[in-house]
Amino acid sequence: MLAATVTVSPNGQIEIPKDVFDSLHWRDGMELTLTATGSGVMLVPKMAGNKLSASALRGCLQHTGTPIPTERLCRPVEYGDDSLSSFPRV
């Protein structure tokens, strides 16, 4: 996660640093939804009809560690399997 310090201009604008802008895969002219939160603001790309494309989700999930083989990711979950005992059941 990137962090940056920005300054609010007299007319209330901020400039998003290029490295942050690029890492989020934002484009010039893209509409963002600004939401006030208890600790600041949140900016999220505005999607037409709240539909997300698969490319918009790129990079939102990250796995650190050794890569998980596709075969393991795609196999059915067996709830009796002891390898899943460390995960909470819903």
C-alpha atoms as a PDB file:
ATOM      1  CA  MET A   1       0.000   0.000   0.000  1.00  0.00           C
ATOM      2  CA  LEU A   2       1.371   3.387  -0.983  1.00  0.00           C
ATOM      3  CA  ALA A   3       0.998   6.449   1.212  1.00  0.00           C
ATOM      4  CA  ALA A   4       1.658  10.094   0.406  1.00  0.00           C
ATOM      5  CA  THR A   5       1.271  13.479   2.043  1.00  0.00           C
ATOM      6  CA  VAL A   6      -0.670  16.012  -0.017  1.00  0.00           C
ATOM      7  CA  THR A   7      -1.706  19.625   0.566  1.00  0.00           C
ATOM      8  CA  VAL A   8      -5.240  20.923   0.087  1.00  0.00           C
ATOM      9  CA  SER A   9      -5.322  23.953  -2.225  1.00  0.00           C
ATOM     10  CA  PRO A  10      -7.299  27.117  -1.290  1.00  0.00           C
ATOM     11  CA  ASN A  11     -10.201  25.897  -3.460  1.00  0.00           C
ATOM     12  CA  GLY A  12     -10.280  22.441  -1.797  1.00  0.00           C
ATOM     13  CA  GLN A  13      -8.401  20.418  -4.401  1.00  0.00           C
ATOM     14  CA  ILE A  14      -5.649  17.874  -3.860  1.00  0.00           C
ATOM     15  CA  GLU A  15      -3.241  16.405  -6.379  1.00  0.00           C
ATOM     16  CA  ILE A  16      -2.844  12.631  -6.265  1.00  0.00           C
ATOM     17  CA  PRO A  17       0.837  11.730  -6.710  1.00  0.00           C
ATOM     18  CA  LYS A  18       1.606   9.960  -9.999  1.00  0.00           C
ATOM     19  CA  ASP A  19       2.982   6.791  -8.366  1.00  0.00           C
ATOM     20  CA  VAL A  20      -0.231   6.387  -6.333  1.00  0.00           C
ATOM     21  CA  PHE A  21      -2.404   7.257  -9.354  1.00  0.00           C
ATOM     22  CA  ASP A  22      -0.591   4.712 -11.540  1.00  0.00           C
ATOM     23  CA  SER A  23      -0.600   1.956  -8.911  1.00  0.00           C
ATOM     24  CA  LEU A  24      -4.399   2.214  -8.719  1.00  0.00           C
ATOM     25  CA  HIS A  25      -4.691   1.920 -12.528  1.00  0.00           C
ATOM     26  CA  TRP A  26      -6.705   5.146 -12.646  1.00  0.00           C
ATOM     27  CA  ARG A  27      -7.091   7.103 -15.896  1.00  0.00           C
ATOM     28  CA  ASP A  28      -7.347  10.827 -16.618  1.00  0.00           C
ATOM     29  CA  GLY A  29     -10.984  11.916 -16.508  1.00  0.00           C
ATOM     30  CA  MET A  30     -12.097   8.901 -14.455  1.00  0.00           C
ATOM     31  CA  GLU A  31     -14.964   9.682 -12.073  1.00  0.00           C
ATOM     32  CA  LEU A  32     -14.364   8.845  -8.420  1.00  0.00           C
ATOM     33  CA  THR A  33     -16.861   8.573  -5.578  1.00  0.00           C
ATOM     34  CA  LEU A  34     -15.657  10.434  -2.484  1.00  0.00           C
ATOM     35  CA  THR A  35     -17.042   9.147   0.833  1.00  0.00           C
ATOM     36  CA  ALA A  36     -16.410  10.825   4.188  1.00  0.00           C
ATOM     37  CA  THR A  37     -15.420   8.244   6.811  1.00  0.00           C
ATOM     38  CA  GLY A  38     -14.818   8.521  10.535  1.00  0.00           C
ATOM     39  CA  SER A  39     -11.090   8.888   9.959  1.00  0.00           C
ATOM     40  CA  GLY A  40     -10.915  10.789   6.665  1.00  0.00           C
ATOM     41  CA  VAL A  41     -12.095  10.214   3.110  1.00  0.00           C
ATOM     42  CA  MET A  42     -12.244   7.255   0.758  1.00  0.00           C
ATOM     43  CA  LEU A  43     -11.961   7.542  -3.032  1.00  0.00           C
ATOM     44  CA  VAL A  44     -13.366   4.718  -5.150  1.00  0.00           C
ATOM     45  CA  PRO A  45     -13.739   4.623  -8.954  1.00  0.00           C
ATOM     46  CA  LYS A  46     -17.344   5.187  -9.981  1.00  0.00           C
ATOM     47  CA  MET A  47     -18.596   2.234 -11.987  1.00  0.00           C
ATOM     48  CA  ALA A  48     -21.526   2.444 -14.373  1.00  0.00           C
ATOM     49  CA  GLY A  49     -24.395   0.645 -12.684  1.00  0.00           C
ATOM     50  CA  ASN A  50     -22.018  -0.478  -9.922  1.00  0.00           C
ATOM     51  CA  LYS A  51     -20.739  -3.235 -12.210  1.00  0.00           C
ATOM     52  CA  LEU A  52     -17.086  -4.181 -11.978  1.00  0.00           C
ATOM     53  CA  SER A  53     -15.095  -5.553 -14.835  1.00  0.00           C
ATOM     54  CA  ALA A  54     -12.585  -8.292 -14.183  1.00  0.00           C
ATOM     55  CA  SER A  55      -9.760  -5.925 -15.114  1.00  0.00           C
ATOM     56  CA  ALA A  56     -10.934  -3.453 -12.433  1.00  0.00           C
ATOM     57  CA  LEU A  57     -10.318  -6.139  -9.814  1.00  0.00           C
ATOM     58  CA  ARG A  58      -6.719  -6.781 -10.882  1.00  0.00           C
ATOM     59  CA  GLY A  59      -4.392  -6.520  -7.913  1.00  0.00           C
ATOM     60  CA  CYS A  60      -7.088  -6.194  -5.236  1.00  0.00           C
ATOM     61  CA  LEU A  61      -6.266  -9.595  -3.746  1.00  0.00           C
ATOM     62  CA  GLN A  62      -2.701 -10.306  -2.875  1.00  0.00           C
ATOM     63  CA  HIS A  63      -1.074 -13.515  -1.728  1.00  0.00           C
ATOM     64  CA  THR A  64       2.328 -13.438  -0.116  1.00  0.00           C
ATOM     65  CA  GLY A  65       4.349 -16.597   0.076  1.00  0.00           C
ATOM     66  CA  THR A  66       4.718 -19.478  -2.295  1.00  0.00           C
ATOM     67  CA  PRO A  67       2.351 -19.486  -5.272  1.00  0.00           C
ATOM     68  CA  ILE A  68      -0.690 -21.743  -4.946  1.00  0.00           C
ATOM     69  CA  PRO A  69      -1.022 -24.081  -7.947  1.00  0.00           C
ATOM     70  CA  THR A  70      -4.111 -23.547 -10.106  1.00  0.00           C
ATOM     71  CA  GLU A  71      -5.091 -27.205  -9.626  1.00  0.00           C
ATOM     72  CA  ARG A  72      -5.277 -26.684  -5.848  1.00  0.00           C
ATOM     73  CA  LEU A  73      -7.243 -23.447  -6.184  1.00  0.00           C
ATOM     74  CA  CYS A  74      -9.795 -25.069  -8.483  1.00  0.00           C
ATOM     75  CA  ARG A  75     -10.378 -28.331  -6.633  1.00  0.00           C
ATOM     76  CA  PRO A  76     -13.575 -28.763  -4.587  1.00  0.00           C
ATOM     77  CA  VAL A  77     -13.429 -27.959  -0.892  1.00  0.00           C
ATOM     78  CA  GLU A  78     -13.637 -31.027   1.324  1.00  0.00           C
ATOM     79  CA  TYR A  79     -14.776 -29.849   4.751  1.00  0.00           C
ATOM     80  CA  GLY A  80     -13.648 -33.076   6.415  1.00  0.00           C
ATOM     81  CA  ASP A  81     -10.081 -32.430   5.242  1.00  0.00           C
ATOM     82  CA  ASP A  82      -7.720 -31.785   8.197  1.00  0.00           C
ATOM     83  CA  SER A  83      -5.756 -29.252   6.140  1.00  0.00           C
ATOM     84  CA  LEU A  84      -8.698 -26.866   6.524  1.00  0.00           C
ATOM     85  CA  SER A  85      -8.968 -27.234  10.299  1.00  0.00           C
ATOM     86  CA  SER A  86      -7.064 -23.991  10.873  1.00  0.00           C
ATOM     87  CA  PHE A  87      -9.743 -21.981   9.057  1.00  0.00           C
ATOM     88  CA  PRO A  88     -12.891 -20.861  10.915  1.00  0.00           C
ATOM     89  CA  ARG A  89     -16.137 -22.346   9.684  1.00  0.00           C
ATOM     90  CA  VAL A  90     -18.893 -19.976   8.686  1.00  0.00           C
END
